[in-house]
């Protein structure tokens, strides 16, 4: 089994540790937003290690929409490349953990529909989109 490689950003590592360490009963809102989040466990595309990242909780039916916004920065978050290379993920939504497969949304109509839902759930996504020139990657994680 691959080794777990903790996130390098301090706040991300602390969020994951609190969420995972409590079995999903604490740390379930992202930072000071009060907005629900999930933890996505995935495989590093270069290291092969186990990686974990907290993301906003955007649920559509039984699937989760994963947004590679990185706060509107000019580059994609590393997890985007990890999911492109290995789409098998595990989603922790509070105390429930589900094996899922992530697919990048390439259909423009589907992306527009999902993006609208994402901005409704977390309005800053609209600001992030406005401040970057890149097209923010959107994935859908579906039960396997």
N, C-alpha and C. Protein backbone atom coordinates (compact mmCIF):
# COMPACT_ATOMS: atom_id res chain seq x y z
N UNK A 1 0.84 -1.19 0.00
CA UNK A 1 0.00 0.00 0.00
C UNK A 1 0.88 1.25 0.00
N UNK A 2 0.45 2.26 -0.72
CA UNK A 2 1.22 3.51 -0.83
C UNK A 2 1.20 4.28 0.48
N UNK A 3 2.23 5.08 0.67
CA UNK A 3 2.33 5.91 1.87
C UNK A 3 1.48 7.17 1.71
N UNK A 4 0.97 7.65 2.84
CA UNK A 4 0.23 8.91 2.86
C UNK A 4 1.23 10.06 2.86
N UNK A 5 1.01 11.02 1.99
CA UNK A 5 1.85 12.22 1.92
C UNK A 5 0.97 13.40 2.33
N UNK A 6 1.18 13.95 3.54
CA UNK A 6 0.33 15.05 4.02
C UNK A 6 0.45 16.30 3.13
N UNK A 7 -0.60 17.10 3.08
CA UNK A 7 -0.55 18.36 2.32
C UNK A 7 0.58 19.26 2.83
N UNK A 8 1.20 19.99 1.93
CA UNK A 8 2.31 20.87 2.32
C UNK A 8 1.82 22.19 2.90
N UNK A 9 0.64 22.65 2.47
CA UNK A 9 0.12 23.91 3.02
C UNK A 9 -0.42 23.65 4.42
N UNK A 10 0.02 24.46 5.37
CA UNK A 10 -0.29 24.26 6.78
C UNK A 10 -1.80 24.17 7.05
N UNK A 11 -2.58 25.13 6.56
CA UNK A 11 -4.02 25.14 6.86
C UNK A 11 -4.71 23.93 6.24
N UNK A 12 -4.24 23.50 5.07
CA UNK A 12 -4.84 22.34 4.41
C UNK A 12 -4.56 21.08 5.23
N UNK A 13 -3.32 20.94 5.66
CA UNK A 13 -2.93 19.77 6.47
C UNK A 13 -3.74 19.72 7.77
N UNK A 14 -3.89 20.87 8.44
CA UNK A 14 -4.65 20.92 9.69
C UNK A 14 -6.12 20.58 9.47
N UNK A 15 -6.68 21.08 8.37
CA UNK A 15 -8.09 20.79 8.05
C UNK A 15 -8.28 19.29 7.85
N UNK A 16 -7.41 18.68 7.06
CA UNK A 16 -7.51 17.23 6.79
C UNK A 16 -7.32 16.45 8.08
N UNK A 17 -6.33 16.83 8.89
CA UNK A 17 -6.07 16.11 10.14
C UNK A 17 -7.27 16.17 11.08
N UNK A 18 -7.90 17.35 11.20
CA UNK A 18 -9.05 17.48 12.09
C UNK A 18 -10.23 16.66 11.56
N UNK A 19 -10.48 16.77 10.27
CA UNK A 19 -11.60 16.06 9.64
C UNK A 19 -11.41 14.55 9.75
N UNK A 20 -10.28 14.08 9.30
CA UNK A 20 -10.01 12.63 9.30
C UNK A 20 -9.83 12.10 10.72
N UNK A 21 -9.13 12.86 11.55
CA UNK A 21 -8.85 12.42 12.92
C UNK A 21 -10.09 12.28 13.78
N UNK A 22 -11.14 13.02 13.43
CA UNK A 22 -12.39 12.96 14.20
C UNK A 22 -13.38 11.97 13.59
N UNK A 23 -12.97 11.31 12.52
CA UNK A 23 -13.90 10.41 11.84
C UNK A 23 -15.01 11.14 11.11
N UNK A 24 -14.77 12.43 10.83
CA UNK A 24 -15.76 13.21 10.09
C UNK A 24 -16.76 13.95 10.95
N UNK A 25 -16.46 14.09 12.24
CA UNK A 25 -17.38 14.82 13.11
C UNK A 25 -16.90 16.25 13.40
N UNK A 26 -15.64 16.56 13.07
CA UNK A 26 -15.09 17.91 13.26
C UNK A 26 -14.37 18.33 11.98
N UNK A 27 -14.20 19.63 11.81
CA UNK A 27 -13.46 20.13 10.66
C UNK A 27 -14.23 19.99 9.36
N UNK A 28 -15.55 19.90 9.45
CA UNK A 28 -16.37 19.64 8.27
C UNK A 28 -16.80 20.90 7.54
N UNK A 29 -16.35 22.06 8.03
CA UNK A 29 -16.58 23.31 7.30
C UNK A 29 -15.22 23.90 6.95
N UNK A 30 -15.13 24.48 5.76
CA UNK A 30 -13.84 24.94 5.25
C UNK A 30 -13.46 26.28 5.87
N UNK A 31 -12.31 26.27 6.52
CA UNK A 31 -11.74 27.48 7.14
C UNK A 31 -12.80 28.23 7.94
N UNK A 32 -12.87 29.52 7.71
CA UNK A 32 -13.82 30.35 8.45
C UNK A 32 -15.08 30.62 7.66
N UNK A 33 -15.28 29.88 6.56
CA UNK A 33 -16.44 30.16 5.71
C UNK A 33 -17.73 29.62 6.31
N UNK A 34 -17.62 28.59 7.15
CA UNK A 34 -18.81 27.93 7.66
C UNK A 34 -19.48 27.06 6.61
N UNK A 35 -18.84 26.95 5.45
CA UNK A 35 -19.40 26.18 4.34
C UNK A 35 -18.93 24.73 4.44
N UNK A 36 -19.85 23.78 4.22
CA UNK A 36 -19.48 22.36 4.32
C UNK A 36 -18.42 21.97 3.30
N UNK A 37 -17.51 21.11 3.73
CA UNK A 37 -16.49 20.62 2.83
C UNK A 37 -16.41 19.10 2.92
N UNK A 38 -15.71 18.53 1.96
CA UNK A 38 -15.44 17.10 1.91
C UNK A 38 -13.94 16.91 1.85
N UNK A 39 -13.48 15.70 2.09
CA UNK A 39 -12.07 15.38 1.89
C UNK A 39 -11.98 14.38 0.75
N UNK A 40 -11.17 14.73 -0.24
CA UNK A 40 -10.97 13.87 -1.40
C UNK A 40 -9.61 13.18 -1.26
N UNK A 41 -9.63 11.86 -1.18
CA UNK A 41 -8.41 11.07 -1.12
C UNK A 41 -8.12 10.58 -2.53
N UNK A 42 -6.90 10.81 -2.98
CA UNK A 42 -6.52 10.47 -4.35
C UNK A 42 -5.06 10.04 -4.39
N UNK A 43 -4.59 9.67 -5.56
CA UNK A 43 -3.22 9.18 -5.72
C UNK A 43 -2.39 10.23 -6.45
N UNK A 44 -1.19 10.51 -5.92
CA UNK A 44 -0.28 11.46 -6.56
C UNK A 44 0.17 10.92 -7.91
N UNK A 45 0.13 11.76 -8.94
CA UNK A 45 0.46 11.30 -10.28
C UNK A 45 1.95 11.09 -10.48
N UNK A 46 2.79 11.72 -9.66
CA UNK A 46 4.24 11.52 -9.77
C UNK A 46 4.78 10.65 -8.65
N UNK A 47 4.23 10.80 -7.45
CA UNK A 47 4.75 10.07 -6.29
C UNK A 47 4.09 8.71 -6.10
N UNK A 48 2.86 8.57 -6.58
CA UNK A 48 2.09 7.36 -6.32
C UNK A 48 1.60 7.29 -4.88
N UNK A 49 1.87 8.36 -4.11
CA UNK A 49 1.47 8.41 -2.71
C UNK A 49 0.00 8.77 -2.55
N UNK A 50 -0.52 8.49 -1.36
CA UNK A 50 -1.90 8.84 -1.04
C UNK A 50 -1.95 10.31 -0.66
N UNK A 51 -2.82 11.06 -1.32
CA UNK A 51 -2.97 12.49 -1.06
C UNK A 51 -4.39 12.77 -0.60
N UNK A 52 -4.56 13.83 0.18
CA UNK A 52 -5.89 14.22 0.66
C UNK A 52 -6.02 15.73 0.55
N UNK A 53 -7.20 16.18 0.10
CA UNK A 53 -7.44 17.61 -0.05
C UNK A 53 -8.88 17.93 0.36
N UNK A 54 -9.07 18.97 1.17
CA UNK A 54 -10.44 19.40 1.47
C UNK A 54 -10.96 20.29 0.33
N UNK A 55 -12.18 20.03 -0.10
CA UNK A 55 -12.80 20.84 -1.14
C UNK A 55 -14.22 21.20 -0.70
N UNK A 56 -14.75 22.26 -1.29
CA UNK A 56 -16.12 22.65 -0.99
C UNK A 56 -17.05 21.49 -1.30
N UNK A 57 -18.09 21.34 -0.50
CA UNK A 57 -19.06 20.27 -0.72
C UNK A 57 -20.13 20.76 -1.69
N UNK A 58 -20.03 20.26 -2.93
CA UNK A 58 -21.04 20.56 -3.94
C UNK A 58 -21.57 19.20 -4.38
N UNK A 59 -22.77 18.86 -3.91
CA UNK A 59 -23.34 17.55 -4.21
C UNK A 59 -24.51 17.72 -5.16
N UNK A 60 -24.50 16.90 -6.21
CA UNK A 60 -25.58 16.88 -7.19
C UNK A 60 -26.01 15.42 -7.30
N UNK A 61 -27.22 15.14 -6.83
CA UNK A 61 -27.72 13.77 -6.75
C UNK A 61 -26.76 12.95 -5.88
N UNK A 62 -26.20 11.87 -6.42
CA UNK A 62 -25.27 11.04 -5.63
C UNK A 62 -23.82 11.33 -5.98
N UNK A 63 -23.59 12.38 -6.76
CA UNK A 63 -22.24 12.74 -7.21
C UNK A 63 -21.78 14.02 -6.53
N UNK A 64 -20.47 14.23 -6.58
CA UNK A 64 -19.86 15.46 -6.05
C UNK A 64 -19.17 16.19 -7.19
N UNK A 65 -19.30 17.52 -7.19
CA UNK A 65 -18.61 18.34 -8.18
C UNK A 65 -17.35 18.88 -7.50
N UNK A 66 -16.21 18.61 -8.13
CA UNK A 66 -14.91 19.03 -7.59
C UNK A 66 -14.38 20.15 -8.46
N UNK A 67 -14.10 21.30 -7.85
CA UNK A 67 -13.72 22.50 -8.59
C UNK A 67 -12.26 22.84 -8.33
N UNK A 68 -11.48 22.89 -9.40
CA UNK A 68 -10.04 23.19 -9.30
C UNK A 68 -9.78 24.68 -9.36
N UNK A 69 -10.38 25.43 -8.44
CA UNK A 69 -10.31 26.90 -8.51
C UNK A 69 -9.00 27.47 -7.99
N UNK A 70 -8.48 26.89 -6.91
CA UNK A 70 -7.28 27.39 -6.25
C UNK A 70 -7.38 28.90 -6.01
N UNK A 71 -8.60 29.32 -5.62
CA UNK A 71 -8.81 30.73 -5.30
C UNK A 71 -8.65 31.67 -6.48
N UNK A 72 -8.72 31.14 -7.70
CA UNK A 72 -8.56 31.98 -8.88
C UNK A 72 -7.12 32.24 -9.26
N UNK A 73 -6.19 31.49 -8.67
CA UNK A 73 -4.78 31.66 -9.03
C UNK A 73 -4.57 31.25 -10.49
N UNK A 74 -3.45 31.68 -11.09
CA UNK A 74 -3.24 31.42 -12.52
C UNK A 74 -2.94 29.96 -12.88
N UNK A 75 -2.69 29.11 -11.89
CA UNK A 75 -2.37 27.72 -12.21
C UNK A 75 -3.36 26.78 -11.53
N UNK A 76 -3.46 25.58 -12.08
CA UNK A 76 -4.33 24.56 -11.50
C UNK A 76 -3.73 24.02 -10.22
N UNK A 77 -4.58 23.60 -9.28
CA UNK A 77 -4.05 22.90 -8.11
C UNK A 77 -3.49 21.54 -8.55
N UNK A 78 -2.50 21.04 -7.82
CA UNK A 78 -1.85 19.77 -8.19
C UNK A 78 -2.85 18.62 -8.25
N UNK A 79 -3.87 18.64 -7.40
CA UNK A 79 -4.80 17.51 -7.40
C UNK A 79 -5.50 17.33 -8.74
N UNK A 80 -5.62 18.38 -9.53
CA UNK A 80 -6.24 18.28 -10.85
C UNK A 80 -5.46 17.28 -11.72
N UNK A 81 -4.12 17.40 -11.70
CA UNK A 81 -3.27 16.50 -12.49
C UNK A 81 -3.32 15.08 -11.93
N UNK A 82 -3.46 14.98 -10.60
CA UNK A 82 -3.57 13.66 -9.98
C UNK A 82 -4.84 12.95 -10.44
N UNK A 83 -5.97 13.66 -10.48
CA UNK A 83 -7.23 13.05 -10.91
C UNK A 83 -7.23 12.73 -12.39
N UNK A 84 -6.56 13.56 -13.18
CA UNK A 84 -6.47 13.27 -14.61
C UNK A 84 -5.68 11.97 -14.83
N UNK A 85 -4.67 11.74 -14.02
CA UNK A 85 -3.83 10.55 -14.16
C UNK A 85 -4.46 9.32 -13.52
N UNK A 86 -5.16 9.51 -12.40
CA UNK A 86 -5.76 8.39 -11.69
C UNK A 86 -7.11 8.84 -11.12
N UNK A 87 -8.19 8.55 -11.81
CA UNK A 87 -9.50 9.05 -11.41
C UNK A 87 -10.16 8.33 -10.23
N UNK A 88 -9.53 7.30 -9.70
CA UNK A 88 -10.10 6.61 -8.53
C UNK A 88 -9.90 7.48 -7.30
N UNK A 89 -11.00 7.82 -6.63
CA UNK A 89 -10.93 8.67 -5.45
C UNK A 89 -11.81 8.08 -4.36
N UNK A 90 -11.61 8.62 -3.18
CA UNK A 90 -12.48 8.30 -2.06
C UNK A 90 -12.96 9.65 -1.53
N UNK A 91 -14.26 9.77 -1.33
CA UNK A 91 -14.83 11.02 -0.82
C UNK A 91 -15.31 10.79 0.60
N UNK A 92 -14.81 11.63 1.52
CA UNK A 92 -15.33 11.61 2.89
C UNK A 92 -16.25 12.82 3.02
N UNK A 93 -17.52 12.55 3.26
CA UNK A 93 -18.52 13.59 3.51
C UNK A 93 -18.99 13.36 4.94
N UNK A 94 -18.41 14.12 5.84
CA UNK A 94 -18.60 13.93 7.28
C UNK A 94 -18.22 12.48 7.64
N UNK A 95 -19.15 11.67 8.13
CA UNK A 95 -18.77 10.33 8.59
C UNK A 95 -18.86 9.27 7.49
N UNK A 96 -19.39 9.64 6.33
CA UNK A 96 -19.52 8.67 5.23
C UNK A 96 -18.33 8.74 4.29
N UNK A 97 -17.78 7.57 3.96
CA UNK A 97 -16.66 7.49 3.03
C UNK A 97 -17.11 6.60 1.86
N UNK A 98 -16.95 7.12 0.63
CA UNK A 98 -17.43 6.42 -0.54
C UNK A 98 -16.36 6.36 -1.61
N UNK A 99 -16.14 5.18 -2.18
CA UNK A 99 -15.24 5.03 -3.33
C UNK A 99 -15.95 5.58 -4.55
N UNK A 100 -15.22 6.40 -5.31
CA UNK A 100 -15.83 7.05 -6.47
C UNK A 100 -14.82 7.12 -7.60
N UNK A 101 -15.32 7.46 -8.77
CA UNK A 101 -14.48 7.70 -9.93
C UNK A 101 -14.74 9.12 -10.39
N UNK A 102 -13.66 9.87 -10.59
CA UNK A 102 -13.78 11.26 -11.01
C UNK A 102 -13.55 11.36 -12.52
N UNK A 103 -14.37 12.19 -13.15
CA UNK A 103 -14.17 12.46 -14.56
C UNK A 103 -14.20 13.97 -14.77
N UNK A 104 -13.30 14.42 -15.61
CA UNK A 104 -13.28 15.86 -15.90
C UNK A 104 -14.43 16.18 -16.85
N UNK A 105 -15.13 17.26 -16.56
CA UNK A 105 -16.27 17.66 -17.37
C UNK A 105 -15.74 18.44 -18.57
N UNK A 106 -15.94 17.88 -19.76
CA UNK A 106 -15.47 18.54 -20.99
C UNK A 106 -16.62 19.05 -21.83
N UNK A 107 -17.82 18.52 -21.62
CA UNK A 107 -18.99 18.98 -22.35
C UNK A 107 -19.38 20.37 -21.82
N UNK A 108 -19.41 21.36 -22.72
CA UNK A 108 -19.64 22.74 -22.30
C UNK A 108 -21.01 22.95 -21.66
N UNK A 109 -22.02 22.28 -22.16
CA UNK A 109 -23.36 22.42 -21.61
C UNK A 109 -23.42 21.85 -20.18
N UNK A 110 -22.85 20.67 -20.00
CA UNK A 110 -22.82 20.06 -18.67
C UNK A 110 -22.00 20.94 -17.72
N UNK A 111 -20.86 21.44 -18.20
CA UNK A 111 -20.01 22.27 -17.35
C UNK A 111 -20.74 23.54 -16.92
N UNK A 112 -21.43 24.18 -17.85
CA UNK A 112 -22.17 25.41 -17.53
C UNK A 112 -23.24 25.14 -16.48
N UNK A 113 -23.95 24.03 -16.62
CA UNK A 113 -25.00 23.67 -15.66
C UNK A 113 -24.39 23.42 -14.28
N UNK A 114 -23.30 22.66 -14.25
CA UNK A 114 -22.67 22.36 -12.96
C UNK A 114 -22.01 23.59 -12.35
N UNK A 115 -21.42 24.44 -13.19
CA UNK A 115 -20.77 25.65 -12.69
C UNK A 115 -21.79 26.54 -11.99
N UNK A 116 -22.98 26.64 -12.56
CA UNK A 116 -24.05 27.44 -11.96
C UNK A 116 -24.37 26.92 -10.56
N UNK A 117 -24.46 25.61 -10.40
CA UNK A 117 -24.73 25.00 -9.09
C UNK A 117 -23.57 25.32 -8.13
N UNK A 118 -22.34 25.21 -8.63
CA UNK A 118 -21.17 25.48 -7.78
C UNK A 118 -21.18 26.91 -7.24
N UNK A 119 -21.50 27.87 -8.10
CA UNK A 119 -21.54 29.28 -7.69
C UNK A 119 -22.70 29.53 -6.72
N UNK A 120 -23.81 28.81 -6.90
CA UNK A 120 -24.92 28.94 -5.96
C UNK A 120 -24.52 28.44 -4.58
N UNK A 121 -23.79 27.33 -4.55
CA UNK A 121 -23.35 26.75 -3.28
C UNK A 121 -22.26 27.60 -2.64
N UNK A 122 -21.32 28.08 -3.46
CA UNK A 122 -20.17 28.84 -2.96
C UNK A 122 -19.92 30.03 -3.89
N UNK A 123 -20.59 31.17 -3.63
CA UNK A 123 -20.50 32.34 -4.52
C UNK A 123 -19.08 32.80 -4.88
N UNK A 124 -18.07 32.66 -4.00
CA UNK A 124 -16.73 33.10 -4.40
C UNK A 124 -16.19 32.41 -5.67
N UNK A 125 -16.75 31.25 -6.05
CA UNK A 125 -16.30 30.63 -7.30
C UNK A 125 -16.45 31.59 -8.48
N UNK A 126 -17.50 32.39 -8.47
CA UNK A 126 -17.70 33.37 -9.53
C UNK A 126 -16.59 34.40 -9.56
N UNK A 127 -16.15 34.83 -8.37
CA UNK A 127 -15.04 35.78 -8.26
C UNK A 127 -13.74 35.15 -8.73
N UNK A 128 -13.52 33.90 -8.36
CA UNK A 128 -12.30 33.19 -8.77
C UNK A 128 -12.23 33.09 -10.29
N UNK A 129 -13.37 32.78 -10.90
CA UNK A 129 -13.42 32.66 -12.36
C UNK A 129 -13.09 33.99 -13.02
N UNK A 130 -13.60 35.09 -12.44
CA UNK A 130 -13.38 36.42 -13.02
C UNK A 130 -11.92 36.87 -12.92
N UNK A 131 -11.20 36.39 -11.90
CA UNK A 131 -9.83 36.89 -11.70
C UNK A 131 -8.74 36.03 -12.34
N UNK A 132 -9.12 34.94 -13.02
CA UNK A 132 -8.10 34.12 -13.66
C UNK A 132 -8.37 34.02 -15.16
N UNK A 133 -7.31 33.82 -15.92
CA UNK A 133 -7.47 33.66 -17.37
C UNK A 133 -7.63 32.19 -17.74
N UNK A 134 -7.33 31.28 -16.82
CA UNK A 134 -7.46 29.86 -17.14
C UNK A 134 -8.91 29.41 -16.98
N UNK A 135 -9.22 28.34 -17.66
CA UNK A 135 -10.54 27.74 -17.50
C UNK A 135 -10.44 26.81 -16.29
N UNK A 136 -11.21 27.10 -15.26
CA UNK A 136 -11.14 26.33 -14.01
C UNK A 136 -11.66 24.92 -14.27
N UNK A 137 -10.83 23.91 -14.00
CA UNK A 137 -11.27 22.53 -14.21
C UNK A 137 -12.40 22.13 -13.26
N UNK A 138 -13.35 21.39 -13.81
CA UNK A 138 -14.48 20.88 -13.05
C UNK A 138 -14.54 19.37 -13.26
N UNK A 139 -14.63 18.63 -12.16
CA UNK A 139 -14.73 17.18 -12.19
C UNK A 139 -16.03 16.77 -11.54
N UNK A 140 -16.53 15.60 -11.92
CA UNK A 140 -17.66 14.99 -11.25
C UNK A 140 -17.16 13.66 -10.70
N UNK A 141 -17.33 13.47 -9.39
CA UNK A 141 -16.99 12.20 -8.75
C UNK A 141 -18.27 11.42 -8.58
N UNK A 142 -18.31 10.23 -9.19
CA UNK A 142 -19.51 9.41 -9.19
C UNK A 142 -19.22 8.08 -8.49
N UNK A 143 -20.22 7.52 -7.81
CA UNK A 143 -20.01 6.24 -7.13
C UNK A 143 -19.54 5.16 -8.13
N UNK A 144 -18.60 4.33 -7.68
CA UNK A 144 -18.09 3.28 -8.56
C UNK A 144 -18.92 2.02 -8.43
